[in-house]
Amino acid sequence: MPTRREKNEKLQALLADPVNFEQLCEDIAEGHTLYSVAQSWGVRYGKLYAWIHDQEHPDRLEAYVKALESRTSYNHDIVVKGIGDVIGVDIRRAYGQDGKLLPAHEIPDDVAVALQSMDVSEDKDGTINKKARVSDRVQALTLMGRHLKMFTDKSEVSGSISLEDAVKASMPPPKAKTPADAA
């Protein structure tokens, strides 16, 4: 196991090359965490964090923040693509010519992403039964429609009302006076 000194020296050597910092930012933009990058490089997270946040080099932090912003966009694209994959899957491709469900390793990747689970069981006769559960396409369509703002979840009401009118409207109506109240 490398010592702290060796890790610090390794970090300094890695970061001396601008290409490595560019790679770090690319990794962050693709969804990796700073911790996972530090682990893959075999350096201490705290030292890498401090190096990026060094106030004498604001350009490092600026590049890191841009990578984080790109990651948000990247993650957004991944979610939208995943929903699109569920919507567009042709589940028939999970079955062979004989009409039986293919083994998991033979199901095409674009079909496999839409499967929630596969169950294999054997009954008393020794017959093997396979079941595949597909992701809910209606839910995926709903999520995509919301993303595209195709549905109105809120209704807009226009007009004006004074605060006094709003308070009066929220209060219960006064009780009617009866002859017994007058006495």
C-alpha atoms as a PDB file:
ATOM      1  CA  MET A   1       0.000   0.000   0.000  1.00  0.00           C
ATOM      2  CA  PRO A   2       1.459   3.391  -0.972  1.00  0.00           C
ATOM      3  CA  THR A   3       2.364   5.829   1.782  1.00  0.00           C
ATOM      4  CA  ARG A   4       0.868   9.316   2.047  1.00  0.00           C
ATOM      5  CA  ARG A   5       4.062  10.785   0.727  1.00  0.00           C
ATOM      6  CA  GLU A   6       3.975   8.502  -2.311  1.00  0.00           C
ATOM      7  CA  LYS A   7       0.329   9.415  -2.941  1.00  0.00           C
ATOM      8  CA  ASN A   8       1.128  13.133  -2.667  1.00  0.00           C
ATOM      9  CA  GLU A   9       4.043  12.768  -5.079  1.00  0.00           C
ATOM     10  CA  LYS A  10       1.861  10.794  -7.473  1.00  0.00           C
ATOM     11  CA  LEU A  11      -0.836  13.470  -7.294  1.00  0.00           C
ATOM     12  CA  GLN A  12       1.673  16.248  -7.995  1.00  0.00           C
ATOM     13  CA  ALA A  13       3.067  14.297 -10.952  1.00  0.00           C
ATOM     14  CA  LEU A  14      -0.427  13.621 -12.337  1.00  0.00           C
ATOM     15  CA  LEU A  15      -1.598  17.192 -11.992  1.00  0.00           C
ATOM     16  CA  ALA A  16       1.581  18.665 -13.454  1.00  0.00           C
ATOM     17  CA  ASP A  17       0.332  17.436 -16.839  1.00  0.00           C
ATOM     18  CA  PRO A  18      -2.620  19.569 -18.054  1.00  0.00           C
ATOM     19  CA  VAL A  19      -3.935  16.614 -20.062  1.00  0.00           C
ATOM     20  CA  ASN A  20      -4.666  14.797 -16.792  1.00  0.00           C
ATOM     21  CA  PHE A  21      -6.690  17.732 -15.452  1.00  0.00           C
ATOM     22  CA  GLU A  22      -8.653  17.798 -18.712  1.00  0.00           C
ATOM     23  CA  GLN A  23      -9.288  14.062 -18.296  1.00  0.00           C
ATOM     24  CA  LEU A  24     -10.429  14.654 -14.710  1.00  0.00           C
ATOM     25  CA  CYS A  25     -12.933  17.245 -15.901  1.00  0.00           C
ATOM     26  CA  GLU A  26     -14.172  14.891 -18.638  1.00  0.00           C
ATOM     27  CA  ASP A  27     -14.644  12.123 -16.067  1.00  0.00           C
ATOM     28  CA  ILE A  28     -16.605  14.475 -13.811  1.00  0.00           C
ATOM     29  CA  ALA A  29     -18.758  15.625 -16.751  1.00  0.00           C
ATOM     30  CA  GLU A  30     -19.527  11.979 -17.580  1.00  0.00           C
ATOM     31  CA  GLY A  31     -20.958  11.388 -14.114  1.00  0.00           C
ATOM     32  CA  HIS A  32     -17.978  10.204 -12.085  1.00  0.00           C
ATOM     33  CA  THR A  33     -17.464  11.686  -8.644  1.00  0.00           C
ATOM     34  CA  LEU A  34     -14.286  13.376  -7.520  1.00  0.00           C
ATOM     35  CA  TYR A  35     -13.912  10.604  -4.954  1.00  0.00           C
ATOM     36  CA  SER A  36     -14.093   7.876  -7.628  1.00  0.00           C
ATOM     37  CA  VAL A  37     -11.564   9.740  -9.794  1.00  0.00           C
ATOM     38  CA  ALA A  38      -9.192  10.025  -6.823  1.00  0.00           C
ATOM     39  CA  GLN A  39      -9.574   6.290  -6.180  1.00  0.00           C
ATOM     40  CA  SER A  40      -8.936   5.364  -9.804  1.00  0.00           C
ATOM     41  CA  TRP A  41      -5.820   7.539  -9.830  1.00  0.00           C
ATOM     42  CA  GLY A  42      -4.662   6.106  -6.513  1.00  0.00           C
ATOM     43  CA  VAL A  43      -4.430   9.521  -4.830  1.00  0.00           C
ATOM     44  CA  ARG A  44      -5.992  11.011  -1.721  1.00  0.00           C
ATOM     45  CA  TYR A  45      -9.393  12.603  -2.227  1.00  0.00           C
ATOM     46  CA  GLY A  46      -8.719  15.435   0.223  1.00  0.00           C
ATOM     47  CA  LYS A  47      -5.521  16.445  -1.555  1.00  0.00           C
ATOM     48  CA  LEU A  48      -7.217  16.378  -4.956  1.00  0.00           C
ATOM     49  CA  TYR A  49     -10.127  18.428  -3.595  1.00  0.00           C
ATOM     50  CA  ALA A  50      -7.737  20.972  -2.047  1.00  0.00           C
ATOM     51  CA  TRP A  51      -5.745  21.202  -5.280  1.00  0.00           C
ATOM     52  CA  ILE A  52      -8.891  21.966  -7.305  1.00  0.00           C
ATOM     53  CA  HIS A  53     -10.141  24.502  -4.750  1.00  0.00           C
ATOM     54  CA  ASP A  54      -6.777  26.291  -4.368  1.00  0.00           C
ATOM     55  CA  GLN A  55      -7.652  30.012  -4.272  1.00  0.00           C
ATOM     56  CA  GLU A  56      -4.432  30.927  -6.057  1.00  0.00           C
ATOM     57  CA  HIS A  57      -5.684  28.997  -9.134  1.00  0.00           C
ATOM     58  CA  PRO A  58      -9.351  29.949  -9.672  1.00  0.00           C
ATOM     59  CA  ASP A  59      -9.187  28.551 -13.214  1.00  0.00           C
ATOM     60  CA  ARG A  60      -9.113  24.994 -11.799  1.00  0.00           C
ATOM     61  CA  LEU A  61     -12.269  25.517  -9.788  1.00  0.00           C
ATOM     62  CA  GLU A  62     -13.946  27.211 -12.743  1.00  0.00           C
ATOM     63  CA  ALA A  63     -13.175  24.234 -15.020  1.00  0.00           C
ATOM     64  CA  TYR A  64     -14.341  21.804 -12.323  1.00  0.00           C
ATOM     65  CA  VAL A  65     -17.636  23.693 -11.869  1.00  0.00           C
ATOM     66  CA  LYS A  66     -18.208  23.656 -15.644  1.00  0.00           C
ATOM     67  CA  ALA A  67     -17.651  19.894 -15.602  1.00  0.00           C
ATOM     68  CA  LEU A  68     -20.218  19.546 -12.804  1.00  0.00           C
ATOM     69  CA  GLU A  69     -22.711  21.605 -14.817  1.00  0.00           C
ATOM     70  CA  SER A  70     -22.067  19.392 -17.854  1.00  0.00           C
ATOM     71  CA  ARG A  71     -22.683  16.330 -15.685  1.00  0.00           C
ATOM     72  CA  THR A  72     -26.165  17.618 -14.864  1.00  0.00           C
ATOM     73  CA  SER A  73     -26.866  17.935 -18.576  1.00  0.00           C
ATOM     74  CA  TYR A  74     -25.292  14.536 -19.218  1.00  0.00           C
ATOM     75  CA  ASN A  75     -27.432  12.882 -16.507  1.00  0.00           C
ATOM     76  CA  HIS A  76     -30.515  14.602 -17.930  1.00  0.00           C
ATOM     77  CA  ASP A  77     -29.737  13.153 -21.362  1.00  0.00           C
ATOM     78  CA  ILE A  78     -29.226   9.668 -19.874  1.00  0.00           C
ATOM     79  CA  VAL A  79     -32.638   9.769 -18.150  1.00  0.00           C
ATOM     80  CA  VAL A  80     -34.431  10.983 -21.268  1.00  0.00           C
ATOM     81  CA  LYS A  81     -32.663   8.346 -23.382  1.00  0.00           C
ATOM     82  CA  GLY A  82     -33.615   5.617 -20.881  1.00  0.00           C
ATOM     83  CA  ILE A  83     -37.264   6.622 -20.991  1.00  0.00           C
ATOM     84  CA  GLY A  84     -37.102   6.710 -24.802  1.00  0.00           C
ATOM     85  CA  ASP A  85     -35.575   3.212 -24.831  1.00  0.00           C
ATOM     86  CA  VAL A  86     -38.511   1.851 -22.806  1.00  0.00           C
ATOM     87  CA  ILE A  87     -41.023   3.584 -25.048  1.00  0.00           C
ATOM     88  CA  GLY A  88     -39.459   2.357 -28.292  1.00  0.00           C
ATOM     89  CA  VAL A  89     -38.652  -1.250 -27.387  1.00  0.00           C
ATOM     90  CA  ASP A  90     -40.090  -4.078 -29.470  1.00  0.00           C
ATOM     91  CA  ILE A  91     -40.489  -6.840 -26.879  1.00  0.00           C
ATOM     92  CA  ARG A  92     -40.994  -9.430 -29.628  1.00  0.00           C
ATOM     93  CA  ARG A  93     -37.242  -9.353 -30.147  1.00  0.00           C
ATOM     94  CA  ALA A  94     -36.833 -11.026 -26.717  1.00  0.00           C
ATOM     95  CA  TYR A  95     -38.355 -14.206 -28.157  1.00  0.00           C
ATOM     96  CA  GLY A  96     -36.874 -16.757 -30.535  1.00  0.00           C
ATOM     97  CA  GLN A  97     -38.353 -18.275 -33.698  1.00  0.00           C
ATOM     98  CA  ASP A  98     -40.009 -20.943 -31.545  1.00  0.00           C
ATOM     99  CA  GLY A  99     -41.905 -18.305 -29.530  1.00  0.00           C
ATOM    100  CA  LYS A 100     -39.934 -18.963 -26.352  1.00  0.00           C
ATOM    101  CA  LEU A 101     -38.147 -16.334 -24.322  1.00  0.00           C
ATOM    102  CA  LEU A 102     -34.469 -16.152 -25.266  1.00  0.00           C
ATOM    103  CA  PRO A 103     -31.793 -16.786 -22.642  1.00  0.00           C
ATOM    104  CA  ALA A 104     -30.751 -13.534 -20.929  1.00  0.00           C
ATOM    105  CA  HIS A 105     -27.374 -13.392 -22.683  1.00  0.00           C
ATOM    106  CA  GLU A 106     -29.039 -13.611 -26.121  1.00  0.00           C
ATOM    107  CA  ILE A 107     -31.565 -10.796 -25.633  1.00  0.00           C
ATOM    108  CA  PRO A 108     -30.458  -7.709 -27.604  1.00  0.00           C
ATOM    109  CA  ASP A 109     -29.134  -4.877 -25.413  1.00  0.00           C
ATOM    110  CA  ASP A 110     -31.771  -2.394 -26.562  1.00  0.00           C
ATOM    111  CA  VAL A 111     -34.501  -4.846 -25.498  1.00  0.00           C
ATOM    112  CA  ALA A 112     -32.802  -5.863 -22.243  1.00  0.00           C
ATOM    113  CA  VAL A 113     -32.834  -2.265 -20.941  1.00  0.00           C
ATOM    114  CA  ALA A 114     -36.628  -2.329 -20.988  1.00  0.00           C
ATOM    115  CA  LEU A 115     -36.904  -5.531 -18.938  1.00  0.00           C
ATOM    116  CA  GLN A 116     -37.529  -5.083 -15.222  1.00  0.00           C
ATOM    117  CA  SER A 117     -36.939  -8.716 -14.358  1.00  0.00           C
ATOM    118  CA  MET A 118     -36.678 -12.245 -15.674  1.00  0.00           C
ATOM    119  CA  ASP A 119     -37.894 -15.196 -13.630  1.00  0.00           C
ATOM    120  CA  VAL A 120     -36.960 -18.794 -14.343  1.00  0.00           C
ATOM    121  CA  SER A 121     -38.755 -21.566 -12.502  1.00  0.00           C
ATOM    122  CA  GLU A 122     -39.174 -25.305 -12.812  1.00  0.00           C
ATOM    123  CA  ASP A 123     -42.496 -27.003 -12.147  1.00  0.00           C
ATOM    124  CA  LYS A 124     -43.127 -30.525 -10.782  1.00  0.00           C
ATOM    125  CA  ASP A 125     -42.899 -32.065 -14.255  1.00  0.00           C
ATOM    126  CA  GLY A 126     -39.431 -30.609 -14.776  1.00  0.00           C
ATOM    127  CA  THR A 127     -40.660 -28.053 -17.290  1.00  0.00           C
ATOM    128  CA  ILE A 128     -38.680 -24.826 -17.185  1.00  0.00           C
ATOM    129  CA  ASN A 129     -40.814 -21.697 -17.233  1.00  0.00           C
ATOM    130  CA  LYS A 130     -39.404 -18.302 -18.115  1.00  0.00           C
ATOM    131  CA  LYS A 131     -41.154 -15.004 -17.536  1.00  0.00           C
ATOM    132  CA  ALA A 132     -40.015 -11.519 -18.445  1.00  0.00           C
ATOM    133  CA  ARG A 133     -41.480  -8.413 -16.889  1.00  0.00           C
ATOM    134  CA  VAL A 134     -41.334  -5.351 -19.112  1.00  0.00           C
ATOM    135  CA  SER A 135     -41.106  -1.784 -17.815  1.00  0.00           C
ATOM    136  CA  ASP A 136     -44.376   0.120 -17.828  1.00  0.00           C
ATOM    137  CA  ARG A 137     -44.621   1.820 -21.213  1.00  0.00           C
ATOM    138  CA  VAL A 138     -47.543   4.041 -20.158  1.00  0.00           C
ATOM    139  CA  GLN A 139     -45.530   5.351 -17.224  1.00  0.00           C
ATOM    140  CA  ALA A 140     -42.565   5.983 -19.525  1.00  0.00           C
ATOM    141  CA  LEU A 141     -44.804   7.843 -21.975  1.00  0.00           C
ATOM    142  CA  THR A 142     -46.229   9.905 -19.102  1.00  0.00           C
ATOM    143  CA  LEU A 143     -42.737  10.805 -17.886  1.00  0.00           C
ATOM    144  CA  MET A 144     -41.664  11.776 -21.394  1.00  0.00           C
ATOM    145  CA  GLY A 145     -44.833  13.829 -21.905  1.00  0.00           C
ATOM    146  CA  ARG A 146     -44.207  15.694 -18.661  1.00  0.00           C
ATOM    147  CA  HIS A 147     -40.624  16.314 -19.674  1.00  0.00           C
ATOM    148  CA  LEU A 148     -41.798  17.745 -22.978  1.00  0.00           C
ATOM    149  CA  LYS A 149     -44.462  19.783 -21.107  1.00  0.00           C
ATOM    150  CA  MET A 150     -47.213  18.185 -23.153  1.00  0.00           C
ATOM    151  CA  PHE A 151     -49.531  17.915 -20.151  1.00  0.00           C
ATOM    152  CA  THR A 152     -50.853  20.664 -17.942  1.00  0.00           C
ATOM    153  CA  ASP A 153     -50.517  19.690 -14.312  1.00  0.00           C
ATOM    154  CA  LYS A 154     -51.538  23.160 -13.135  1.00  0.00           C
ATOM    155  CA  SER A 155     -54.309  25.379 -14.346  1.00  0.00           C
ATOM    156  CA  GLU A 156     -53.708  29.056 -14.635  1.00  0.00           C
ATOM    157  CA  VAL A 157     -56.324  31.494 -13.433  1.00  0.00           C
ATOM    158  CA  SER A 158     -56.093  35.112 -14.374  1.00  0.00           C
ATOM    159  CA  GLY A 159     -57.810  38.023 -12.699  1.00  0.00           C
ATOM    160  CA  SER A 160     -57.290  40.190  -9.698  1.00  0.00           C
ATOM    161  CA  ILE A 161     -58.613  40.196  -6.170  1.00  0.00           C
ATOM    162  CA  SER A 162     -57.808  42.483  -3.304  1.00  0.00           C
ATOM    163  CA  LEU A 163     -56.459  41.214  -0.007  1.00  0.00           C
ATOM    164  CA  GLU A 164     -59.582  42.484   1.747  1.00  0.00           C
ATOM    165  CA  ASP A 165     -61.856  40.519  -0.609  1.00  0.00           C
ATOM    166  CA  ALA A 166     -59.719  37.375  -0.143  1.00  0.00           C
ATOM    167  CA  VAL A 167     -59.943  37.641   3.658  1.00  0.00           C
ATOM    168  CA  LYS A 168     -63.718  38.203   3.524  1.00  0.00           C
ATOM    169  CA  ALA A 169     -64.141  35.217   1.209  1.00  0.00           C
ATOM    170  CA  SER A 170     -62.182  32.976   3.573  1.00  0.00           C
ATOM    171  CA  MET A 171     -64.297  33.843   6.632  1.00  0.00           C
ATOM    172  CA  PRO A 172     -67.524  31.967   7.440  1.00  0.00           C
ATOM    173  CA  PRO A 173     -70.712  33.950   6.801  1.00  0.00           C
ATOM    174  CA  PRO A 174     -72.148  35.709   9.873  1.00  0.00           C
ATOM    175  CA  LYS A 175     -75.026  33.939  11.627  1.00  0.00           C
ATOM    176  CA  ALA A 176     -78.457  35.355  10.978  1.00  0.00           C
ATOM    177  CA  LYS A 177     -79.981  37.124  13.973  1.00  0.00           C
ATOM    178  CA  THR A 178     -83.041  35.507  15.422  1.00  0.00           C
ATOM    179  CA  PRO A 179     -85.658  37.168  17.686  1.00  0.00           C
ATOM    180  CA  ALA A 180     -84.171  35.201  20.605  1.00  0.00           C
ATOM    181  CA  ASP A 181     -80.797  36.907  20.029  1.00  0.00           C
ATOM    182  CA  ALA A 182     -82.425  40.352  20.322  1.00  0.00           C
ATOM    183  CA  ALA A 183     -83.860  39.634  23.802  1.00  0.00           C
END
